[in-house]
Amino acid sequence: MARKIGSRYTAHQILGRGSAGTVWLGEGPEGPVAIKLLREDLASDQELVGRFVQERTALLGLEHPHIVTVRDLVVDGNDLALVMDLVRGTDLRTRLERERRLAPEAAVAITADVADALAAAHAAGVVHRDVKPENVLLDMQGPLGPGGAHPALLTDFGVAKLIDAPRRTRATKIIGTPDYLAPEIVEGLPPRASVDIYALATVLYELLAGFTPFGGGHPGAVLRRHVTETVVPLPGIPEELWQLIVQCLAKAPASRLRASELAARLREQLPTLAGLPPLDVDEPDLSEEAAEEEPATPAPPAGGEPVRRRGAVSLVQGSRPDSNRDTHTSMRVPAPDELAGGAHGTARAPRSAGAPRPGSAKHRAAVRRRRITLGVAGVAVAALVSAGAWWATSDSPQDTPPPASTSSTP
């Protein structure tokens, strides 16, 4: 059912739902548009509305071939909406769920497009704060690039910042999606451009491996891993590309590349990646680790509803999550002693297909079995040694005292 959005736009059909609002296919004076209508409880927050209006100039000024352009911001009664260009395609999460992992050439081409978008945003003083596959759209009507990749466009600029209002998230809270949060955000520092680089490197790792380097299990464990653990190498990719990923996943923000440098260096890698197949690595067994870290996890609903991705929980209390995924989390910053404790297991270690993941329940069970086997073997060897010694002792001649001499008297 159509509804008016302000005086210039009409929303016709829902394209998707998220914890911050609903995306509609709409019509404006210049043709079809996408309209992101924020939740009514957000629209009724006067502080948020004020921030929305303040961000208008920055958001409307962001124009780049790899950014989904914001055309208008509408404040009308209970309606608070961003009007954006309509991209005919899908998001990167949908492609990743369908293919599990991408060939290195396509993964790097998509990441370079997003890095270009971030370079333009950072030059304008805008930090995205929520770079992840859900916020990368693939334009199916655009020309194919290296590896057959469709042009990638970054969307949802400004949404995380708008919702991160002091009244809604106190200084002890963090906003973002746990799998992609930079360590400095976990430690409570203000977000700067380098947090987008860290998130984008995490996305590239996920496109190559099929899973994020520090995700899995309870969100608190994910946050600890970002701060305390180092990324585990991915087998099968060129060393120069791996070093780029490592540099952009550095714990120190100053060690990471700028977005423009990252885009240029990624494109330099493309000729060496042509024709390489997707990596042959297995995803860590999350079900077993989660059972140890989060024993009270409820069973999945009976209606065949997809299980929510671990490490991604609703941003807005009481919101109805997207049927496919959730988008943000709001939780307290871990205390220093909690971060110092480290996380259970290892940092999402990739492994050859079929091999158990170090630190997983299967791996520990195998280690226990080996220890039991070695223990039994040790006892058997000790028993054999003892038996041999006994036989050797029993077969040796015994020392007997000399017979007593007798004398007779005449």
Protein backbone atom coordinates (compact mmCIF):
# COMPACT_ATOMS: atom_id res chain seq x y z
CA MET A 1 0.00 0.00 0.00
CA ALA A 2 1.44 3.37 -1.05
CA ARG A 3 2.17 6.06 1.53
CA LYS A 4 3.35 9.63 1.22
CA ILE A 5 6.79 10.55 2.58
CA GLY A 6 6.86 14.31 2.96
CA SER A 7 5.41 16.31 0.08
CA ARG A 8 7.63 15.02 -2.73
CA TYR A 9 7.90 11.25 -2.35
CA THR A 10 5.63 8.20 -2.38
CA ALA A 11 6.69 4.84 -0.93
CA HIS A 12 5.17 1.91 -2.83
CA GLN A 13 6.79 -1.35 -1.75
CA ILE A 14 8.97 -2.61 1.11
CA LEU A 15 12.38 -3.77 -0.10
CA GLY A 16 13.82 -4.79 3.27
CA ARG A 17 13.66 -4.35 7.03
CA GLY A 18 16.41 -3.67 9.53
CA SER A 19 16.68 -2.82 13.21
CA ALA A 20 16.93 0.91 12.40
CA GLY A 21 14.03 1.10 9.94
CA THR A 22 12.50 -0.05 6.68
CA VAL A 23 13.71 0.45 3.10
CA TRP A 24 10.98 1.19 0.54
CA LEU A 25 10.89 1.36 -3.22
CA GLY A 26 9.62 4.86 -3.83
CA GLU A 27 8.94 7.50 -6.44
CA GLY A 28 10.16 11.08 -6.46
CA PRO A 29 10.09 14.04 -8.84
CA GLU A 30 13.06 12.60 -10.77
CA GLY A 31 11.98 8.96 -10.86
CA PRO A 32 12.43 5.80 -8.73
CA VAL A 33 14.29 6.11 -5.43
CA ALA A 34 15.02 4.04 -2.34
CA ILE A 35 13.57 5.48 0.86
CA LYS A 36 14.97 4.45 4.24
CA LEU A 37 12.22 5.22 6.74
CA LEU A 38 13.54 5.20 10.30
CA ARG A 39 11.51 3.66 13.11
CA GLU A 40 8.82 5.85 14.64
CA ASP A 41 10.37 5.73 18.11
CA LEU A 42 13.57 7.09 16.60
CA ALA A 43 11.68 9.76 14.70
CA SER A 44 10.02 10.90 17.93
CA ASP A 45 13.41 11.51 19.57
CA GLN A 46 13.92 15.26 19.21
CA GLU A 47 17.65 15.00 19.89
CA LEU A 48 18.03 12.49 17.07
CA VAL A 49 15.94 14.67 14.75
CA GLY A 50 18.27 17.56 15.50
CA ARG A 51 21.32 15.45 14.67
CA PHE A 52 19.55 14.29 11.52
CA VAL A 53 19.13 17.86 10.33
CA GLN A 54 22.74 18.75 11.30
CA GLU A 55 24.06 15.86 9.18
CA ARG A 56 22.05 16.94 6.16
CA THR A 57 24.78 18.98 4.47
CA ALA A 58 27.49 16.34 4.98
CA LEU A 59 25.33 13.47 3.72
CA LEU A 60 23.93 15.33 0.72
CA GLY A 61 27.44 16.36 -0.27
CA LEU A 62 28.72 12.78 -0.55
CA GLU A 63 28.77 11.98 -4.25
CA HIS A 64 31.01 9.27 -5.70
CA PRO A 65 30.54 6.42 -8.22
CA HIS A 66 30.88 3.87 -5.39
CA ILE A 67 28.63 5.61 -2.86
CA VAL A 68 24.85 5.25 -2.83
CA THR A 69 23.99 8.94 -3.02
CA VAL A 70 21.63 10.45 -0.44
CA ARG A 71 19.29 12.72 -2.42
CA ASP A 72 17.18 14.14 0.38
CA LEU A 73 16.45 13.97 4.10
CA VAL A 74 12.79 14.19 5.08
CA VAL A 75 11.47 15.30 8.45
CA ASP A 76 7.68 15.31 8.38
CA GLY A 77 5.66 14.63 11.51
CA ASN A 78 6.53 11.11 12.63
CA ASP A 79 8.41 10.39 9.40
CA LEU A 80 12.19 10.59 9.37
CA ALA A 81 13.62 9.31 6.09
CA LEU A 82 16.71 9.22 3.90
CA VAL A 83 15.96 9.31 0.17
CA MET A 84 18.69 7.56 -1.81
CA ASP A 85 19.50 6.47 -5.33
CA LEU A 86 17.91 3.15 -6.23
CA VAL A 87 20.51 0.44 -6.95
CA ARG A 88 19.23 -2.43 -9.08
CA GLY A 89 21.01 -5.40 -7.59
CA THR A 90 21.68 -7.19 -4.33
CA ASP A 91 23.84 -6.73 -1.26
CA LEU A 92 27.18 -8.41 -0.73
CA ARG A 93 25.87 -10.48 2.20
CA THR A 94 23.32 -12.15 -0.07
CA ARG A 95 26.04 -13.08 -2.57
CA LEU A 96 28.30 -14.33 0.20
CA GLU A 97 25.55 -16.50 1.65
CA ARG A 98 24.92 -17.96 -1.79
CA GLU A 99 28.57 -18.63 -2.74
CA ARG A 100 30.16 -19.01 0.74
CA ARG A 101 33.40 -17.38 -0.46
CA LEU A 102 34.55 -15.48 -3.54
CA ALA A 103 37.49 -15.95 -5.86
CA PRO A 104 40.36 -13.68 -4.74
CA GLU A 105 40.20 -11.49 -7.85
CA ALA A 106 36.50 -10.69 -7.39
CA ALA A 107 36.91 -10.21 -3.62
CA VAL A 108 39.75 -7.74 -4.07
CA ALA A 109 37.95 -5.84 -6.86
CA ILE A 110 34.87 -5.35 -4.67
CA THR A 111 36.99 -4.30 -1.69
CA ALA A 112 38.89 -1.78 -3.83
CA ASP A 113 35.57 -0.20 -4.90
CA VAL A 114 34.53 0.19 -1.26
CA ALA A 115 37.95 1.60 -0.36
CA ASP A 116 37.47 4.24 -3.06
CA ALA A 117 34.10 5.12 -1.52
CA LEU A 118 35.66 5.43 1.94
CA ALA A 119 38.46 7.62 0.58
CA ALA A 120 35.89 10.09 -0.74
CA ALA A 121 33.90 10.02 2.51
CA HIS A 122 36.95 10.45 4.72
CA ALA A 123 38.13 13.37 2.59
CA ALA A 124 34.75 15.00 3.34
CA GLY A 125 35.14 14.30 7.06
CA VAL A 126 32.54 11.51 7.17
CA VAL A 127 33.24 8.19 8.96
CA HIS A 128 30.88 5.36 8.02
CA ARG A 129 31.24 3.35 11.28
CA ASP A 130 29.36 0.28 10.06
CA VAL A 131 31.19 -1.17 7.04
CA LYS A 132 30.03 -4.77 6.49
CA PRO A 133 28.67 -6.90 3.62
CA GLU A 134 25.07 -5.88 4.34
CA ASN A 135 25.96 -2.25 3.56
CA VAL A 136 27.71 -3.00 0.27
CA LEU A 137 25.35 -3.09 -2.73
CA LEU A 138 26.25 -4.76 -6.03
CA ASP A 139 24.93 -2.95 -9.11
CA MET A 140 23.77 -5.76 -11.40
CA GLN A 141 23.22 -3.28 -14.23
CA GLY A 142 26.79 -1.96 -14.11
CA PRO A 143 29.72 -3.22 -16.19
CA LEU A 144 31.54 -6.31 -15.00
CA GLY A 145 34.96 -5.71 -13.49
CA PRO A 146 37.92 -7.97 -12.66
CA GLY A 147 36.87 -11.49 -11.75
CA GLY A 148 33.37 -10.83 -13.08
CA ALA A 149 32.60 -8.55 -10.11
CA HIS A 150 29.72 -6.10 -10.40
CA PRO A 151 30.40 -2.51 -9.28
CA ALA A 152 30.16 -2.19 -5.49
CA LEU A 153 28.51 0.79 -3.78
CA LEU A 154 28.64 1.61 -0.07
CA THR A 155 25.37 2.62 1.56
CA ASP A 156 23.95 3.62 4.96
CA PHE A 157 26.32 6.54 5.55
CA GLY A 158 25.38 8.45 8.67
CA VAL A 159 22.88 5.94 10.10
CA ALA A 160 25.16 4.61 12.87
CA LYS A 161 26.19 8.15 13.83
CA LEU A 162 22.59 9.35 13.91
CA ILE A 163 21.50 6.53 16.19
CA ASP A 164 24.55 6.90 18.44
CA ALA A 165 22.96 9.75 20.36
CA PRO A 166 24.14 10.39 23.94
CA ARG A 167 20.67 9.74 25.36
CA ARG A 168 20.39 6.38 23.60
CA THR A 169 23.96 5.14 24.06
CA ARG A 170 25.85 6.35 27.09
CA ALA A 171 29.61 6.68 27.14
CA THR A 172 29.85 3.09 28.40
CA LYS A 173 28.07 1.71 25.30
CA ILE A 174 29.38 0.86 21.84
CA ILE A 175 27.56 0.89 18.52
CA GLY A 176 28.40 -1.35 15.61
CA THR A 177 28.39 -4.97 14.46
CA PRO A 178 30.73 -7.04 16.68
CA ASP A 179 32.49 -9.00 13.91
CA TYR A 180 33.72 -5.75 12.28
CA LEU A 181 34.49 -3.51 15.29
CA ALA A 182 37.99 -2.08 15.54
CA PRO A 183 39.85 -2.64 18.84
CA GLU A 184 39.81 1.07 19.72
CA ILE A 185 36.00 1.08 19.57
CA VAL A 186 35.91 -1.89 21.94
CA GLU A 187 38.18 0.05 24.29
CA GLY A 188 35.82 3.03 24.25
CA LEU A 189 37.77 5.46 22.05
CA PRO A 190 35.95 7.75 19.57
CA PRO A 191 35.60 6.40 16.00
CA ARG A 192 37.92 7.83 13.37
CA ALA A 193 38.55 6.97 9.72
CA SER A 194 40.82 4.06 10.68
CA VAL A 195 37.86 2.10 12.10
CA ASP A 196 36.42 1.87 8.58
CA ILE A 197 39.72 0.47 7.28
CA TYR A 198 39.73 -2.23 9.96
CA ALA A 199 36.15 -3.15 9.14
CA LEU A 200 36.85 -3.26 5.41
CA ALA A 201 39.87 -5.54 5.93
CA THR A 202 37.60 -7.81 7.97
CA VAL A 203 35.13 -7.85 5.06
CA LEU A 204 37.93 -8.78 2.63
CA TYR A 205 39.05 -11.61 4.92
CA GLU A 206 35.44 -12.82 5.07
CA LEU A 207 35.04 -12.72 1.29
CA LEU A 208 38.17 -14.86 0.93
CA ALA A 209 37.66 -17.30 3.82
CA GLY A 210 33.88 -17.41 4.23
CA PHE A 211 34.08 -16.28 7.86
CA THR A 212 35.40 -13.29 9.81
CA PRO A 213 38.78 -13.52 11.59
CA PHE A 214 37.53 -12.80 15.12
CA GLY A 215 33.82 -13.63 14.99
CA GLY A 216 31.87 -16.55 16.39
CA GLY A 217 30.32 -17.24 19.78
CA HIS A 218 29.08 -14.74 22.33
CA PRO A 219 29.49 -11.04 21.35
CA GLY A 220 31.62 -10.45 24.45
CA ALA A 221 34.10 -13.11 23.29
CA VAL A 222 34.17 -11.52 19.84
CA LEU A 223 35.03 -8.12 21.32
CA ARG A 224 37.85 -9.62 23.40
CA ARG A 225 39.36 -11.30 20.35
CA HIS A 226 39.53 -7.97 18.50
CA VAL A 227 41.66 -6.55 21.32
CA THR A 228 43.76 -9.54 22.41
CA GLU A 229 44.26 -11.90 19.45
CA THR A 230 46.20 -11.72 16.21
CA VAL A 231 44.79 -12.73 12.85
CA VAL A 232 45.65 -16.25 11.64
CA PRO A 233 47.12 -16.52 8.10
CA LEU A 234 44.91 -17.65 5.24
CA PRO A 235 46.56 -20.36 3.14
CA GLY A 236 46.62 -19.98 -0.60
CA ILE A 237 46.76 -16.21 -1.14
CA PRO A 238 49.82 -14.21 -2.31
CA GLU A 239 52.03 -12.90 0.45
CA GLU A 240 51.69 -9.25 -0.64
CA LEU A 241 47.90 -9.43 -0.39
CA TRP A 242 48.11 -11.09 3.00
CA GLN A 243 50.44 -8.37 4.29
CA LEU A 244 47.91 -5.73 3.17
CA ILE A 245 45.20 -7.47 5.19
CA VAL A 246 47.46 -7.78 8.24
CA GLN A 247 48.43 -4.11 8.08
CA CYS A 248 44.81 -2.99 7.90
CA LEU A 249 43.88 -5.29 10.81
CA ALA A 250 46.61 -3.81 13.00
CA LYS A 251 45.58 -3.14 16.60
CA ALA A 252 47.14 0.34 16.44
CA PRO A 253 44.99 2.66 14.28
CA ALA A 254 48.02 4.64 13.08
CA SER A 255 49.52 1.48 11.55
CA ARG A 256 46.64 1.00 9.12
CA LEU A 257 46.63 2.30 5.57
CA ARG A 258 44.52 5.24 4.46
CA ALA A 259 41.56 4.32 2.26
CA SER A 260 43.08 5.81 -0.89
CA GLU A 261 46.33 3.89 -0.35
CA LEU A 262 44.43 0.66 0.28
CA ALA A 263 42.39 1.05 -2.92
CA ALA A 264 45.51 1.66 -5.03
CA ARG A 265 47.47 -1.24 -3.57
CA LEU A 266 44.54 -3.64 -3.90
CA ARG A 267 44.23 -2.81 -7.58
CA GLU A 268 47.95 -3.45 -8.01
CA GLN A 269 47.29 -7.01 -6.81
CA LEU A 270 44.56 -7.79 -9.35
CA PRO A 271 46.81 -9.07 -12.20
CA THR A 272 48.42 -11.64 -9.88
CA LEU A 273 45.01 -12.93 -8.75
CA ALA A 274 43.45 -13.58 -12.17
CA GLY A 275 42.18 -17.13 -12.49
CA LEU A 276 42.77 -18.14 -8.85
CA PRO A 277 39.87 -20.25 -7.49
CA PRO A 278 38.18 -19.59 -4.13
CA LEU A 279 40.24 -20.74 -1.13
CA ASP A 280 39.69 -24.29 0.09
CA VAL A 281 39.37 -23.71 3.83
CA ASP A 282 36.77 -24.87 6.33
CA GLU A 283 34.78 -22.54 8.54
CA PRO A 284 35.41 -22.99 12.28
CA ASP A 285 32.79 -25.09 14.03
CA LEU A 286 30.78 -22.33 15.73
CA SER A 287 28.13 -24.61 17.21
CA GLU A 288 30.60 -26.38 19.49
CA GLU A 289 32.38 -23.23 20.63
CA ALA A 290 29.11 -21.43 21.20
CA ALA A 291 27.85 -24.32 23.30
CA GLU A 292 30.78 -23.77 25.66
CA GLU A 293 30.71 -19.96 25.70
CA GLU A 294 26.94 -19.50 25.63
CA PRO A 295 25.28 -22.58 27.19
CA ALA A 296 21.92 -20.88 27.63
CA THR A 297 21.37 -20.16 23.92
CA PRO A 298 17.72 -20.95 23.11
CA ALA A 299 16.87 -23.53 20.48
CA PRO A 300 16.04 -22.17 17.00
CA PRO A 301 12.34 -21.50 16.36
CA ALA A 302 10.30 -24.32 14.89
CA GLY A 303 8.96 -22.49 11.86
CA GLY A 304 12.10 -22.89 9.78
CA GLU A 305 13.19 -19.30 10.57
CA PRO A 306 16.87 -18.74 9.77
CA VAL A 307 19.18 -18.76 12.79
CA ARG A 308 20.49 -15.29 13.66
CA ARG A 309 24.13 -14.71 12.85
CA ARG A 310 26.27 -14.94 15.95
CA GLY A 311 27.84 -11.67 17.01
CA ALA A 312 25.02 -9.57 15.48
CA VAL A 313 22.18 -8.49 17.74
CA SER A 314 19.51 -5.82 17.49
CA LEU A 315 20.55 -2.22 17.87
CA VAL A 316 17.16 -0.94 19.02
CA GLN A 317 15.50 -2.60 22.00
CA GLY A 318 12.24 -4.25 21.00
CA SER A 319 12.90 -3.95 17.28
CA ARG A 320 11.86 -6.72 14.94
CA PRO A 321 15.04 -8.00 13.26
CA ASP A 322 15.43 -8.53 9.56
CA SER A 323 14.43 -12.06 8.61
CA ASN A 324 17.87 -12.62 7.13
CA ARG A 325 20.18 -10.78 9.50
CA ASP A 326 20.54 -8.14 12.18
CA THR A 327 22.59 -5.02 11.76
CA HIS A 328 23.99 -3.49 14.92
CA THR A 329 24.68 -4.13 18.54
CA SER A 330 24.64 -1.80 21.53
CA MET A 331 26.46 -3.17 24.55
CA ARG A 332 28.74 -1.99 27.30
CA VAL A 333 32.45 -1.53 26.81
CA PRO A 334 34.33 -4.47 28.46
CA ALA A 335 36.43 -3.53 31.48
CA PRO A 336 40.25 -3.74 31.16
CA ASP A 337 40.42 -6.85 33.33
CA GLU A 338 37.86 -8.57 31.08
CA LEU A 339 39.85 -7.71 27.95
CA ALA A 340 43.09 -8.89 29.56
CA GLY A 341 41.59 -12.33 30.10
CA GLY A 342 41.53 -13.09 26.39
CA ALA A 343 38.93 -15.15 24.59
CA HIS A 344 38.35 -18.87 24.63
CA GLY A 345 39.91 -20.86 21.79
CA THR A 346 41.93 -19.28 19.01
CA ALA A 347 41.27 -16.51 16.53
CA ARG A 348 39.06 -18.19 13.94
CA ALA A 349 41.94 -20.23 12.53
CA PRO A 350 41.40 -21.36 8.93
CA ARG A 351 42.33 -24.94 8.22
CA SER A 352 42.48 -27.37 5.35
CA ALA A 353 39.15 -28.92 4.42
CA GLY A 354 38.19 -31.63 6.92
CA ALA A 355 40.87 -30.79 9.48
CA PRO A 356 39.70 -30.06 13.07
CA ARG A 357 40.08 -26.50 14.29
CA PRO A 358 42.61 -26.07 17.13
CA GLY A 359 40.73 -25.18 20.30
CA SER A 360 37.42 -26.64 19.13
CA ALA A 361 35.58 -29.36 21.04
CA LYS A 362 36.41 -31.92 18.33
CA HIS A 363 40.07 -30.99 18.48
CA ARG A 364 40.16 -31.22 22.28
CA ALA A 365 38.37 -34.58 22.18
CA ALA A 366 40.98 -35.86 19.73
CA VAL A 367 43.75 -34.57 22.00
CA ARG A 368 42.14 -36.32 24.99
CA ARG A 369 41.90 -39.56 23.03
CA ARG A 370 45.56 -39.32 22.09
CA ARG A 371 46.52 -38.68 25.72
CA ILE A 372 44.45 -41.64 26.90
CA THR A 373 46.02 -43.85 24.23
CA LEU A 374 49.51 -42.70 25.20
CA GLY A 375 48.69 -43.22 28.89
CA VAL A 376 47.44 -46.75 28.30
CA ALA A 377 50.48 -47.48 26.15
CA GLY A 378 52.73 -46.16 28.90
CA VAL A 379 51.07 -48.37 31.52
CA ALA A 380 51.38 -51.38 29.21
CA VAL A 381 55.08 -50.70 28.63
CA ALA A 382 55.66 -50.32 32.37
CA ALA A 383 53.83 -53.59 32.99
CA LEU A 384 55.92 -55.39 30.37
CA VAL A 385 59.13 -54.03 31.88
CA SER A 386 58.05 -55.17 35.35
CA ALA A 387 57.07 -58.63 34.07
CA GLY A 388 60.39 -59.01 32.26
CA ALA A 389 62.30 -58.09 35.37
CA TRP A 390 60.31 -60.62 37.42
CA TRP A 391 60.98 -63.41 34.92
CA ALA A 392 64.64 -62.55 34.79
CA THR A 393 64.82 -62.67 38.56
CA SER A 394 62.91 -65.94 38.88
CA ASP A 395 65.15 -67.78 36.35
CA SER A 396 68.49 -66.84 37.96
CA PRO A 397 70.20 -69.52 40.25
CA GLN A 398 69.58 -69.02 43.97
CA ASP A 399 72.47 -68.79 46.39
CA THR A 400 72.22 -71.74 48.85
CA PRO A 401 74.18 -72.05 52.07
CA PRO A 402 76.90 -74.80 52.11
CA PRO A 403 75.85 -78.10 53.76
CA ALA A 404 76.76 -78.45 57.40
CA SER A 405 79.57 -80.93 58.05
CA THR A 406 79.08 -83.72 60.64
CA SER A 407 81.76 -85.44 62.60
CA SER A 408 81.60 -88.70 64.48
CA THR A 409 83.53 -89.50 67.57
CA PRO A 410 85.30 -92.84 67.80
